[in-house]
Amino acid sequence: MNRPDRGFTLIEVMVVLAILVVLAAMATPSIHIKLVRDQVVEAAKLADVAKAPVAQAWAVKRELPADNEAAGLPSADKIVSTWVSSVSVEGGAIHLTFGNQASAAIRGRRLTLRPAVVDDAPVVPVSWVCGHASTPDKMSSKGIDRTDLDAKFLPSNCR
């Protein structure tokens, strides 16, 4: 008795490979966006260096520091990390500028964290508004939002 050959034909293998290539091509952009967004999330942690002095200035003096020096911080180009080339304070707002090993898609771009306060109740802790996010009810955000990152790279709490 003759046994039929077992295995796949060349055409079947080529069809499967073509399908895999199409699926991989569709997944590549979303993977890139996620990797860049992860860099943004990681970089935003560096803002914690400036958050405490800004919040303390509001609690004690009811005014926000005009710049890094007024906040008691080193110059902007001295506060750096893997993804961030500078952190500056401007009117209480914290601006992170991406650089160093950051993706080319965000290098030179900025993310702003603005303090949100209750003007007539300095005892209420400062809340932070990330990027283009809206200010919480009954609070007012201070400083200028200089975020110029593409919205697809912003974490969900910054959109």
N, C-alpha and C. Protein backbone atom coordinates (compact mmCIF):
# COMPACT_ATOMS: atom_id res chain seq x y z
N MET A 1 0.82 -1.19 0.00
CA MET A 1 0.00 0.00 0.00
C MET A 1 0.87 1.25 0.00
N ASN A 2 0.45 2.21 -0.75
CA ASN A 2 1.14 3.49 -0.79
C ASN A 2 0.61 4.40 0.31
N ARG A 3 1.55 4.98 1.06
CA ARG A 3 1.15 5.96 2.08
C ARG A 3 1.32 7.34 1.50
N PRO A 4 0.30 8.18 1.68
CA PRO A 4 0.43 9.54 1.15
C PRO A 4 1.55 10.29 1.89
N ASP A 5 2.20 11.20 1.18
CA ASP A 5 3.24 12.01 1.81
C ASP A 5 2.63 12.89 2.89
N ARG A 6 3.37 13.00 3.97
CA ARG A 6 2.90 13.86 5.06
C ARG A 6 3.72 15.14 5.06
N GLY A 7 3.10 16.24 5.48
CA GLY A 7 3.79 17.52 5.53
C GLY A 7 3.00 18.59 4.81
N PHE A 8 3.63 19.72 4.66
CA PHE A 8 2.97 20.85 4.04
C PHE A 8 3.60 21.12 2.68
N THR A 9 2.78 21.62 1.79
CA THR A 9 3.31 22.00 0.49
C THR A 9 3.98 23.36 0.63
N LEU A 10 4.79 23.68 -0.33
CA LEU A 10 5.49 24.97 -0.31
C LEU A 10 4.50 26.12 -0.33
N ILE A 11 3.42 25.98 -1.05
CA ILE A 11 2.40 27.03 -1.12
C ILE A 11 1.76 27.25 0.25
N GLU A 12 1.45 26.19 0.97
CA GLU A 12 0.84 26.31 2.30
C GLU A 12 1.79 27.04 3.26
N VAL A 13 3.06 26.70 3.21
CA VAL A 13 4.03 27.35 4.08
C VAL A 13 4.15 28.82 3.73
N MET A 14 4.17 29.16 2.46
CA MET A 14 4.28 30.55 2.04
C MET A 14 3.06 31.37 2.46
N VAL A 15 1.87 30.80 2.39
CA VAL A 15 0.65 31.49 2.81
C VAL A 15 0.71 31.79 4.31
N VAL A 16 1.14 30.81 5.10
CA VAL A 16 1.24 31.01 6.55
C VAL A 16 2.27 32.09 6.85
N LEU A 17 3.41 32.07 6.18
CA LEU A 17 4.43 33.10 6.40
C LEU A 17 3.91 34.49 6.01
N ALA A 18 3.18 34.57 4.92
CA ALA A 18 2.62 35.86 4.49
C ALA A 18 1.65 36.40 5.54
N ILE A 19 0.84 35.56 6.11
CA ILE A 19 -0.10 35.98 7.15
C ILE A 19 0.67 36.48 8.39
N LEU A 20 1.73 35.77 8.76
CA LEU A 20 2.53 36.18 9.92
C LEU A 20 3.21 37.53 9.68
N VAL A 21 3.69 37.75 8.47
CA VAL A 21 4.32 39.02 8.14
C VAL A 21 3.32 40.17 8.23
N VAL A 22 2.12 39.96 7.74
CA VAL A 22 1.08 40.99 7.81
C VAL A 22 0.73 41.29 9.26
N LEU A 23 0.57 40.27 10.08
CA LEU A 23 0.25 40.48 11.50
C LEU A 23 1.38 41.21 12.22
N ALA A 24 2.62 40.86 11.94
CA ALA A 24 3.75 41.54 12.56
C ALA A 24 3.82 43.00 12.13
N ALA A 25 3.54 43.28 10.87
CA ALA A 25 3.56 44.66 10.38
C ALA A 25 2.48 45.50 11.05
N MET A 26 1.35 44.88 11.33
CA MET A 26 0.26 45.61 12.00
C MET A 26 0.60 45.87 13.47
N ALA A 27 1.34 45.00 14.12
CA ALA A 27 1.65 45.13 15.54
C ALA A 27 2.81 46.10 15.80
N THR A 28 3.69 46.29 14.85
CA THR A 28 4.89 47.10 15.06
C THR A 28 4.60 48.53 15.50
N PRO A 29 3.69 49.29 14.88
CA PRO A 29 3.45 50.67 15.33
C PRO A 29 2.94 50.74 16.77
N SER A 30 2.05 49.85 17.16
CA SER A 30 1.52 49.90 18.52
C SER A 30 2.59 49.54 19.55
N ILE A 31 3.52 48.68 19.19
CA ILE A 31 4.61 48.35 20.09
C ILE A 31 5.52 49.56 20.27
N HIS A 32 5.81 50.26 19.18
CA HIS A 32 6.65 51.46 19.25
C HIS A 32 6.00 52.53 20.14
N ILE A 33 4.71 52.76 19.96
CA ILE A 33 4.00 53.75 20.77
C ILE A 33 4.06 53.38 22.24
N LYS A 34 3.87 52.10 22.56
CA LYS A 34 3.93 51.67 23.95
C LYS A 34 5.32 51.86 24.54
N LEU A 35 6.36 51.55 23.77
CA LEU A 35 7.72 51.73 24.27
C LEU A 35 8.02 53.21 24.56
N VAL A 36 7.58 54.08 23.67
CA VAL A 36 7.80 55.52 23.88
C VAL A 36 6.98 56.00 25.08
N ARG A 37 5.74 55.56 25.17
CA ARG A 37 4.89 55.96 26.31
C ARG A 37 5.51 55.48 27.63
N ASP A 38 6.12 54.30 27.63
CA ASP A 38 6.80 53.81 28.83
C ASP A 38 7.97 54.72 29.21
N GLN A 39 8.67 55.25 28.23
CA GLN A 39 9.75 56.20 28.51
C GLN A 39 9.19 57.46 29.15
N VAL A 40 8.06 57.93 28.66
CA VAL A 40 7.43 59.14 29.21
C VAL A 40 7.01 58.90 30.66
N VAL A 41 6.40 57.76 30.93
CA VAL A 41 5.96 57.44 32.30
C VAL A 41 7.16 57.37 33.23
N GLU A 42 8.20 56.70 32.80
CA GLU A 42 9.41 56.58 33.61
C GLU A 42 10.05 57.96 33.84
N ALA A 43 10.09 58.78 32.81
CA ALA A 43 10.70 60.11 32.92
C ALA A 43 9.91 61.00 33.87
N ALA A 44 8.61 60.86 33.89
CA ALA A 44 7.76 61.72 34.73
C ALA A 44 8.08 61.56 36.22
N LYS A 45 8.66 60.42 36.58
CA LYS A 45 9.03 60.20 37.98
C LYS A 45 10.11 61.18 38.44
N LEU A 46 10.91 61.68 37.51
CA LEU A 46 11.96 62.63 37.87
C LEU A 46 11.37 63.95 38.36
N ALA A 47 10.14 64.25 37.98
CA ALA A 47 9.49 65.48 38.44
C ALA A 47 9.30 65.50 39.95
N ASP A 48 9.34 64.34 40.59
CA ASP A 48 9.18 64.28 42.04
C ASP A 48 10.25 65.12 42.75
N VAL A 49 11.41 65.27 42.12
CA VAL A 49 12.49 66.09 42.70
C VAL A 49 11.99 67.53 42.91
N ALA A 50 11.19 68.03 41.99
CA ALA A 50 10.73 69.41 42.05
C ALA A 50 9.35 69.55 42.71
N LYS A 51 8.58 68.49 42.74
CA LYS A 51 7.22 68.60 43.30
C LYS A 51 7.23 69.02 44.76
N ALA A 52 8.08 68.41 45.56
CA ALA A 52 8.08 68.71 47.00
C ALA A 52 8.41 70.17 47.28
N PRO A 53 9.48 70.75 46.70
CA PRO A 53 9.75 72.17 46.98
C PRO A 53 8.65 73.11 46.50
N VAL A 54 8.04 72.78 45.37
CA VAL A 54 6.95 73.63 44.84
C VAL A 54 5.76 73.57 45.79
N ALA A 55 5.39 72.36 46.20
CA ALA A 55 4.25 72.19 47.12
C ALA A 55 4.53 72.86 48.46
N GLN A 56 5.75 72.74 48.94
CA GLN A 56 6.10 73.36 50.22
C GLN A 56 6.03 74.89 50.13
N ALA A 57 6.48 75.45 49.03
CA ALA A 57 6.40 76.90 48.85
C ALA A 57 4.95 77.36 48.89
N TRP A 58 4.05 76.60 48.27
CA TRP A 58 2.64 76.96 48.29
C TRP A 58 2.07 76.88 49.70
N ALA A 59 2.41 75.81 50.41
CA ALA A 59 1.87 75.62 51.76
C ALA A 59 2.37 76.69 52.73
N VAL A 60 3.62 77.09 52.60
CA VAL A 60 4.21 78.04 53.55
C VAL A 60 3.95 79.49 53.16
N LYS A 61 4.18 79.83 51.90
CA LYS A 61 4.14 81.23 51.47
C LYS A 61 2.89 81.60 50.66
N ARG A 62 2.14 80.61 50.23
CA ARG A 62 0.99 80.80 49.35
C ARG A 62 1.41 81.43 48.02
N GLU A 63 2.61 81.11 47.61
CA GLU A 63 3.08 81.51 46.29
C GLU A 63 3.94 80.38 45.73
N LEU A 64 4.02 80.34 44.43
CA LEU A 64 4.76 79.28 43.77
C LEU A 64 6.10 79.81 43.27
N PRO A 65 7.14 78.98 43.32
CA PRO A 65 8.45 79.45 42.89
C PRO A 65 8.47 79.82 41.41
N ALA A 66 9.17 80.90 41.11
CA ALA A 66 9.24 81.39 39.73
C ALA A 66 10.17 80.54 38.87
N ASP A 67 11.20 79.96 39.49
CA ASP A 67 12.17 79.19 38.72
C ASP A 67 12.87 78.17 39.63
N ASN A 68 13.86 77.48 39.08
CA ASN A 68 14.58 76.45 39.85
C ASN A 68 15.25 77.04 41.08
N GLU A 69 15.88 78.20 40.91
CA GLU A 69 16.58 78.82 42.03
C GLU A 69 15.62 79.15 43.17
N ALA A 70 14.47 79.72 42.84
CA ALA A 70 13.48 80.06 43.88
C ALA A 70 12.94 78.81 44.56
N ALA A 71 12.95 77.67 43.86
CA ALA A 71 12.48 76.41 44.44
C ALA A 71 13.59 75.71 45.23
N GLY A 72 14.80 76.26 45.18
CA GLY A 72 15.92 75.63 45.88
C GLY A 72 16.47 74.43 45.13
N LEU A 73 16.31 74.44 43.82
CA LEU A 73 16.78 73.32 42.98
C LEU A 73 18.00 73.73 42.18
N PRO A 74 18.79 72.74 41.75
CA PRO A 74 19.90 73.06 40.84
C PRO A 74 19.37 73.57 39.51
N SER A 75 20.26 74.08 38.68
CA SER A 75 19.83 74.57 37.37
C SER A 75 19.19 73.43 36.58
N ALA A 76 18.35 73.80 35.62
CA ALA A 76 17.54 72.82 34.87
C ALA A 76 18.39 71.74 34.22
N ASP A 77 19.55 72.08 33.68
CA ASP A 77 20.37 71.10 32.98
C ASP A 77 21.14 70.18 33.91
N LYS A 78 21.02 70.38 35.21
CA LYS A 78 21.67 69.50 36.19
C LYS A 78 20.73 68.41 36.69
N ILE A 79 19.42 68.56 36.43
CA ILE A 79 18.44 67.55 36.83
C ILE A 79 18.14 66.71 35.59
N VAL A 80 18.79 65.56 35.49
CA VAL A 80 18.72 64.73 34.29
C VAL A 80 18.52 63.27 34.65
N SER A 81 18.14 62.49 33.65
CA SER A 81 18.03 61.04 33.79
C SER A 81 18.25 60.41 32.43
N THR A 82 18.00 59.14 32.34
CA THR A 82 18.18 58.43 31.07
C THR A 82 17.36 59.05 29.96
N TRP A 83 16.13 59.46 30.26
CA TRP A 83 15.21 59.96 29.24
C TRP A 83 15.08 61.48 29.24
N VAL A 84 15.53 62.14 30.31
CA VAL A 84 15.29 63.58 30.48
C VAL A 84 16.61 64.35 30.42
N SER A 85 16.63 65.45 29.64
CA SER A 85 17.83 66.27 29.54
C SER A 85 17.77 67.50 30.45
N SER A 86 16.57 67.87 30.93
CA SER A 86 16.47 68.98 31.89
C SER A 86 15.09 69.00 32.54
N VAL A 87 15.07 69.54 33.75
CA VAL A 87 13.82 69.75 34.49
C VAL A 87 13.84 71.20 34.97
N SER A 88 12.85 71.96 34.52
CA SER A 88 12.81 73.37 34.92
C SER A 88 11.48 73.70 35.59
N VAL A 89 11.56 74.63 36.52
CA VAL A 89 10.36 75.14 37.20
C VAL A 89 10.11 76.54 36.65
N GLU A 90 8.85 76.80 36.30
CA GLU A 90 8.47 78.11 35.78
C GLU A 90 7.09 78.46 36.32
N GLY A 91 7.05 79.38 37.26
CA GLY A 91 5.77 79.77 37.85
C GLY A 91 5.07 78.62 38.55
N GLY A 92 5.85 77.70 39.12
CA GLY A 92 5.30 76.53 39.80
C GLY A 92 5.14 75.31 38.91
N ALA A 93 5.03 75.53 37.61
CA ALA A 93 4.89 74.41 36.67
C ALA A 93 6.26 73.75 36.47
N ILE A 94 6.25 72.44 36.34
CA ILE A 94 7.47 71.67 36.14
C ILE A 94 7.51 71.20 34.70
N HIS A 95 8.56 71.55 33.99
CA HIS A 95 8.72 71.18 32.58
C HIS A 95 9.85 70.16 32.45
N LEU A 96 9.52 68.98 31.95
CA LEU A 96 10.53 67.97 31.67
C LEU A 96 10.84 68.00 30.18
N THR A 97 12.09 68.15 29.82
CA THR A 97 12.51 68.14 28.42
C THR A 97 13.18 66.80 28.16
N PHE A 98 12.69 66.09 27.15
CA PHE A 98 13.21 64.75 26.85
C PHE A 98 14.48 64.86 26.02
N GLY A 99 15.42 63.99 26.33
CA GLY A 99 16.69 63.97 25.62
C GLY A 99 17.48 62.76 26.05
N ASN A 100 18.81 62.89 26.02
CA ASN A 100 19.72 61.80 26.35
C ASN A 100 19.37 60.56 25.53
N GLN A 101 18.91 59.49 26.14
CA GLN A 101 18.65 58.25 25.42
C GLN A 101 17.17 58.09 25.05
N ALA A 102 16.40 59.14 25.14
CA ALA A 102 14.98 59.07 24.80
C ALA A 102 14.80 58.78 23.31
N SER A 103 13.68 58.21 22.98
CA SER A 103 13.35 57.92 21.59
C SER A 103 13.39 59.20 20.77
N ALA A 104 13.79 59.06 19.52
CA ALA A 104 13.83 60.23 18.62
C ALA A 104 12.46 60.87 18.48
N ALA A 105 11.40 60.10 18.69
CA ALA A 105 10.04 60.62 18.56
C ALA A 105 9.72 61.67 19.62
N ILE A 106 10.42 61.64 20.76
CA ILE A 106 10.12 62.59 21.84
C ILE A 106 11.32 63.47 22.21
N ARG A 107 12.48 63.20 21.66
CA ARG A 107 13.67 63.98 21.99
C ARG A 107 13.45 65.45 21.66
N GLY A 108 13.75 66.32 22.64
CA GLY A 108 13.56 67.76 22.46
C GLY A 108 12.15 68.22 22.79
N ARG A 109 11.23 67.31 23.04
CA ARG A 109 9.84 67.66 23.39
C ARG A 109 9.72 67.82 24.90
N ARG A 110 8.60 68.43 25.32
CA ARG A 110 8.39 68.68 26.74
C ARG A 110 7.09 68.11 27.26
N LEU A 111 7.10 67.79 28.55
CA LEU A 111 5.91 67.40 29.30
C LEU A 111 5.84 68.33 30.51
N THR A 112 4.68 68.93 30.73
CA THR A 112 4.52 69.86 31.85
C THR A 112 3.61 69.26 32.91
N LEU A 113 4.00 69.43 34.15
CA LEU A 113 3.17 69.09 35.30
C LEU A 113 2.87 70.40 36.02
N ARG A 114 1.58 70.77 36.07
CA ARG A 114 1.18 72.04 36.69
C ARG A 114 0.57 71.78 38.05
N PRO A 115 0.89 72.64 39.02
CA PRO A 115 0.27 72.48 40.33
C PRO A 115 -1.17 72.98 40.29
N ALA A 116 -2.05 72.20 40.88
CA ALA A 116 -3.46 72.60 41.03
C ALA A 116 -3.69 72.85 42.52
N VAL A 117 -4.21 74.02 42.84
CA VAL A 117 -4.37 74.42 44.24
C VAL A 117 -5.78 74.97 44.47
N VAL A 118 -6.16 74.99 45.74
CA VAL A 118 -7.37 75.69 46.15
C VAL A 118 -6.89 77.04 46.67
N ASP A 119 -7.19 78.09 45.93
CA ASP A 119 -6.60 79.40 46.20
C ASP A 119 -6.82 79.91 47.63
N ASP A 120 -8.00 79.70 48.18
CA ASP A 120 -8.28 80.24 49.51
C ASP A 120 -8.12 79.21 50.62
N ALA A 121 -7.49 78.08 50.32
CA ALA A 121 -7.27 77.05 51.33
C ALA A 121 -5.89 76.40 51.13
N PRO A 122 -4.83 77.08 51.56
CA PRO A 122 -3.48 76.54 51.33
C PRO A 122 -3.20 75.25 52.08
N VAL A 123 -4.06 74.90 53.02
CA VAL A 123 -3.88 73.65 53.76
C VAL A 123 -4.18 72.43 52.87
N VAL A 124 -4.95 72.64 51.82
CA VAL A 124 -5.27 71.54 50.89
C VAL A 124 -4.01 71.23 50.09
N PRO A 125 -3.61 69.96 50.05
CA PRO A 125 -2.38 69.61 49.34
C PRO A 125 -2.45 69.96 47.85
N VAL A 126 -1.29 70.24 47.29
CA VAL A 126 -1.19 70.51 45.87
C VAL A 126 -1.47 69.22 45.11
N SER A 127 -2.26 69.34 44.07
CA SER A 127 -2.50 68.23 43.16
C SER A 127 -1.76 68.56 41.87
N TRP A 128 -1.39 67.55 41.11
CA TRP A 128 -0.59 67.80 39.91
C TRP A 128 -1.37 67.44 38.67
N VAL A 129 -1.42 68.38 37.72
CA VAL A 129 -2.11 68.20 36.45
C VAL A 129 -1.05 67.90 35.40
N CYS A 130 -1.16 66.75 34.80
CA CYS A 130 -0.16 66.29 33.83
C CYS A 130 -0.59 66.64 32.41
N GLY A 131 0.28 67.30 31.69
CA GLY A 131 0.04 67.57 30.28
C GLY A 131 -1.24 68.35 30.03
N HIS A 132 -2.06 67.80 29.13
CA HIS A 132 -3.29 68.47 28.72
C HIS A 132 -4.51 68.06 29.56
N ALA A 133 -4.28 67.35 30.65
CA ALA A 133 -5.39 66.89 31.49
C ALA A 133 -6.13 68.10 32.08
N SER A 134 -7.37 67.87 32.44
CA SER A 134 -8.17 68.96 33.00
C SER A 134 -7.88 69.12 34.50
N THR A 135 -8.10 70.32 34.98
CA THR A 135 -7.88 70.65 36.39
C THR A 135 -9.03 70.08 37.22
N PRO A 136 -8.73 69.50 38.39
CA PRO A 136 -9.80 68.99 39.25
C PRO A 136 -10.80 70.09 39.63
N ASP A 137 -12.04 69.71 39.86
CA ASP A 137 -13.08 70.66 40.27
C ASP A 137 -12.65 71.41 41.53
N LYS A 138 -13.02 72.66 41.59
CA LYS A 138 -12.79 73.56 42.71
C LYS A 138 -11.31 73.87 42.94
N MET A 139 -10.47 73.52 41.97
CA MET A 139 -9.05 73.85 42.05
C MET A 139 -8.69 74.69 40.84
N SER A 140 -7.60 75.41 40.94
CA SER A 140 -7.11 76.15 39.77
C SER A 140 -5.67 75.72 39.53
N SER A 141 -5.34 75.53 38.27
CA SER A 141 -3.97 75.13 37.94
C SER A 141 -3.15 76.38 37.70
N LYS A 142 -1.90 76.31 38.07
CA LYS A 142 -0.98 77.45 37.97
C LYS A 142 0.11 77.10 36.96
N GLY A 143 0.69 78.11 36.39
CA GLY A 143 1.76 77.91 35.43
C GLY A 143 1.21 77.63 34.04
N ILE A 144 2.11 77.62 33.09
CA ILE A 144 1.74 77.42 31.68
C ILE A 144 2.03 75.99 31.26
N ASP A 145 1.07 75.38 30.57
CA ASP A 145 1.26 74.04 30.03
C ASP A 145 2.06 74.15 28.74
N ARG A 146 3.29 73.70 28.76
CA ARG A 146 4.15 73.73 27.58
C ARG A 146 4.33 72.33 26.97
N THR A 147 3.41 71.43 27.28
CA THR A 147 3.48 70.07 26.74
C THR A 147 3.35 70.11 25.22
N ASP A 148 4.34 69.57 24.54
CA ASP A 148 4.27 69.50 23.09
C ASP A 148 4.50 68.08 22.57
N LEU A 149 4.32 67.11 23.44
CA LEU A 149 4.38 65.70 23.03
C LEU A 149 3.15 65.36 22.22
N ASP A 150 3.31 64.48 21.26
CA ASP A 150 2.18 63.96 20.51
C ASP A 150 1.25 63.24 21.49
N ALA A 151 -0.04 63.45 21.39
CA ALA A 151 -1.01 62.89 22.34
C ALA A 151 -0.91 61.37 22.46
N LYS A 152 -0.53 60.68 21.40
CA LYS A 152 -0.45 59.22 21.46
C LYS A 152 0.66 58.74 22.40
N PHE A 153 1.63 59.61 22.71
CA PHE A 153 2.71 59.24 23.62
C PHE A 153 2.43 59.60 25.07
N LEU A 154 1.36 60.35 25.31
CA LEU A 154 1.03 60.75 26.68
C LEU A 154 0.33 59.62 27.41
N PRO A 155 0.68 59.41 28.69
CA PRO A 155 -0.07 58.44 29.48
C PRO A 155 -1.53 58.89 29.60
N SER A 156 -2.42 58.00 29.91
CA SER A 156 -3.85 58.32 29.92
C SER A 156 -4.18 59.45 30.91
N ASN A 157 -3.45 59.58 32.01
CA ASN A 157 -3.76 60.65 32.97
C ASN A 157 -3.25 62.02 32.50
N CYS A 158 -2.58 62.08 31.35
CA CYS A 158 -2.05 63.35 30.85
C CYS A 158 -2.81 63.86 29.63
N ARG A 159 -3.81 63.14 29.18
CA ARG A 159 -4.53 63.56 27.96
C ARG A 159 -5.74 64.39 28.31
